[in-house]
Every structure is written in structure tokens, then in C-alpha cells.
N, C-alpha and C. Protein backbone atom coordinates (compact mmCIF):
# COMPACT_ATOMS: atom_id res chain seq x y z
N MET A 1 0.60 -1.16 0.25
CA MET A 1 -0.05 0.07 -0.10
C MET A 1 0.78 0.96 0.06
N ASP A 2 0.63 2.28 -0.90
CA ASP A 2 1.18 3.41 -0.83
C ASP A 2 0.70 4.17 -0.08
N ILE A 3 1.57 5.21 0.70
CA ILE A 3 0.65 6.25 1.39
C ILE A 3 1.14 7.45 0.52
N ARG A 4 0.16 8.04 0.48
CA ARG A 4 0.70 10.06 -0.15
C ARG A 4 0.61 10.88 0.55
N VAL A 5 1.09 11.73 0.40
CA VAL A 5 1.04 12.99 1.61
C VAL A 5 0.24 14.16 0.39
N GLN A 6 -0.63 14.90 0.94
CA GLN A 6 -1.62 15.81 -0.09
C GLN A 6 -1.47 17.18 0.88
N THR A 7 -1.56 18.21 0.36
CA THR A 7 -1.66 19.30 0.57
C THR A 7 -2.93 20.25 0.44
N SER A 8 -3.49 21.13 0.93
CA SER A 8 -4.66 21.94 0.40
C SER A 8 -3.84 23.28 1.34
N CYS A 9 -4.17 24.00 0.04
CA CYS A 9 -3.73 25.40 0.50
C CYS A 9 -5.02 26.46 0.29
N ILE A 10 -4.71 27.36 1.66
CA ILE A 10 -5.98 28.56 1.81
C ILE A 10 -5.10 29.78 1.72
N ILE A 11 -5.65 30.34 0.80
CA ILE A 11 -5.15 31.83 0.24
C ILE A 11 -6.27 32.63 0.47
N ILE A 12 -6.38 33.76 1.22
CA ILE A 12 -6.76 35.00 1.52
C ILE A 12 -6.36 36.02 1.05
N LYS A 13 -7.23 37.03 0.26
CA LYS A 13 -6.77 37.91 -0.10
C LYS A 13 -7.56 38.84 -0.21
N ASN A 14 -8.13 40.24 -0.05
CA ASN A 14 -8.92 41.18 0.18
C ASN A 14 -10.23 40.26 0.49
N ASN A 15 -10.07 39.93 1.37
CA ASN A 15 -11.32 39.04 2.14
C ASN A 15 -11.95 38.01 1.52
N CYS A 16 -11.09 37.56 0.42
CA CYS A 16 -11.66 36.67 -0.25
C CYS A 16 -10.75 35.55 -0.50
N ILE A 17 -11.65 34.24 -0.30
CA ILE A 17 -10.82 32.70 -0.43
C ILE A 17 -10.42 32.19 -1.55
N ALA A 18 -9.31 31.97 -2.11
CA ALA A 18 -9.22 31.38 -3.62
C ALA A 18 -9.63 30.01 -3.74
N THR A 19 -10.44 29.35 -4.42
CA THR A 19 -10.90 28.30 -4.70
C THR A 19 -10.42 27.85 -6.38
N ILE A 20 -10.65 26.58 -6.16
CA ILE A 20 -10.95 25.90 -7.75
C ILE A 20 -11.96 25.34 -7.85
N LYS A 21 -12.80 25.05 -9.01
CA LYS A 21 -13.92 24.22 -9.27
C LYS A 21 -13.22 23.05 -9.93
N LYS A 22 -13.55 21.72 -9.75
CA LYS A 22 -13.51 20.56 -10.35
C LYS A 22 -14.61 20.51 -11.21
N ASN A 23 -14.39 20.11 -12.56
CA ASN A 23 -14.73 19.80 -13.61
C ASN A 23 -14.69 18.60 -14.26
N ASP A 24 -13.93 17.56 -13.55
CA ASP A 24 -14.13 16.55 -14.03
C ASP A 24 -14.58 15.23 -13.53
N PRO A 25 -15.71 14.68 -14.25
CA PRO A 25 -16.74 13.76 -13.14
C PRO A 25 -16.07 12.65 -12.86
N LYS A 26 -14.91 12.30 -12.95
CA LYS A 26 -14.23 11.28 -12.13
C LYS A 26 -13.41 11.62 -10.66
N TYR A 27 -13.64 12.68 -10.53
CA TYR A 27 -13.29 13.09 -9.34
C TYR A 27 -14.38 13.38 -8.05
N LYS A 28 -14.07 12.95 -6.88
CA LYS A 28 -15.15 12.69 -5.61
C LYS A 28 -15.84 14.12 -5.60
N THR A 29 -15.06 15.16 -5.44
CA THR A 29 -15.13 16.49 -5.71
C THR A 29 -15.56 17.35 -7.05
N TYR A 30 -16.25 16.42 -7.93
CA TYR A 30 -16.93 16.91 -8.94
C TYR A 30 -17.75 17.89 -8.87
N ASN A 31 -17.71 19.41 -9.66
CA ASN A 31 -18.62 20.26 -9.49
C ASN A 31 -18.94 21.04 -8.19
N LYS A 32 -18.08 20.77 -7.24
CA LYS A 32 -17.69 21.76 -6.00
C LYS A 32 -16.54 22.48 -6.16
N TYR A 33 -16.48 23.34 -5.25
CA TYR A 33 -15.17 24.28 -5.16
C TYR A 33 -14.61 23.89 -4.12
N ILE A 34 -13.03 23.93 -3.96
CA ILE A 34 -12.44 23.52 -3.46
C ILE A 34 -10.92 24.50 -2.97
N PRO A 35 -10.52 24.36 -1.91
CA PRO A 35 -8.83 24.97 -2.32
C PRO A 35 -7.80 24.13 -3.11
N PRO A 36 -7.29 25.10 -3.62
CA PRO A 36 -6.00 24.14 -4.27
C PRO A 36 -5.14 23.57 -3.51
N GLY A 37 -4.80 22.53 -4.25
CA GLY A 37 -3.83 21.66 -3.69
C GLY A 37 -3.55 20.61 -4.31
N GLY A 38 -2.71 19.69 -3.86
CA GLY A 38 -2.20 18.37 -4.47
C GLY A 38 -1.04 17.40 -3.36
N HIS A 39 -0.69 16.26 -4.38
CA HIS A 39 0.48 15.66 -3.64
C HIS A 39 1.76 16.69 -3.42
N VAL A 40 2.24 15.93 -2.33
CA VAL A 40 3.25 16.17 -1.96
C VAL A 40 4.41 15.47 -2.36
N ASP A 41 5.42 15.52 -3.09
CA ASP A 41 6.49 15.53 -3.81
C ASP A 41 7.78 14.52 -2.61
N THR A 42 8.21 13.47 -2.81
CA THR A 42 9.03 12.67 -2.04
C THR A 42 10.26 13.75 -1.72
N PHE A 43 10.48 13.96 -0.23
CA PHE A 43 11.35 15.24 0.28
C PHE A 43 11.13 16.78 -0.04
N GLU A 44 9.92 16.68 -0.45
CA GLU A 44 9.61 17.89 -0.86
C GLU A 44 8.57 18.95 0.76
N LYS A 45 9.21 20.34 0.80
CA LYS A 45 8.30 20.69 2.10
C LYS A 45 6.78 20.97 1.46
N ILE A 46 6.11 20.34 2.49
CA ILE A 46 5.09 21.21 2.42
C ILE A 46 4.58 22.12 1.93
N GLU A 47 5.08 23.40 2.58
CA GLU A 47 5.21 24.42 2.03
C GLU A 47 5.46 24.95 0.61
N ASN A 48 6.70 24.33 0.04
CA ASN A 48 6.91 24.20 -1.14
C ASN A 48 5.85 23.72 -2.19
N ALA A 49 5.30 22.79 -1.61
CA ALA A 49 4.50 21.83 -2.54
C ALA A 49 3.39 22.95 -2.68
N CYS A 50 2.51 23.52 -1.66
CA CYS A 50 1.45 24.46 -1.70
C CYS A 50 1.56 25.62 -3.14
N ILE A 51 3.27 26.24 -2.72
CA ILE A 51 3.17 27.00 -3.50
C ILE A 51 3.40 26.23 -5.15
N ARG A 52 3.77 25.63 -5.49
CA ARG A 52 3.52 25.06 -6.53
C ARG A 52 2.83 24.51 -6.87
N GLU A 53 1.71 24.34 -6.22
CA GLU A 53 0.02 23.45 -6.55
C GLU A 53 -0.34 25.16 -7.04
N VAL A 54 -0.62 26.16 -6.15
CA VAL A 54 -0.79 27.77 -6.25
C VAL A 54 -0.16 28.25 -7.67
N VAL A 55 0.78 28.05 -7.91
CA VAL A 55 1.37 28.90 -8.95
C VAL A 55 0.86 28.02 -10.08
N THR A 56 0.69 27.07 -10.18
CA THR A 56 -0.13 26.16 -11.61
C THR A 56 -1.42 26.72 -11.77
N ILE A 57 -2.40 27.34 -10.95
CA ILE A 57 -3.69 27.90 -11.06
C ILE A 57 -3.95 28.58 -12.44
């Protein structure tokens, strides 16, 4: 069994929270607004993974 670490990033700017909408029906979060995030690579700091995920949106 593989264990993977995942991060969710809460971004607040001008009293607004950044979210993304999942438009792919294969995800459990389909058609819902969620915070950006994703898997953390091996030996990657969680903070760096969050930055990487946010920069790609």
C-alpha cells in the first residue's frame, strides 16, 4: 500500500478565499469548489508543494 501526503492551500486576499472548481466527473469533488492543492513530492517541504500547486492554477 502506498501512502501519499497531500496538501490543501488556504489563500486569503482582499477578504476573499481562493478556490478552484473541479470539472472532471471522475473526481469525488466534481462540480464543487475546493481549495487548491495536491500531492507532496518525496522530500518536498509542504510549504513548497503548496506554492507549486498555487502557481499552476
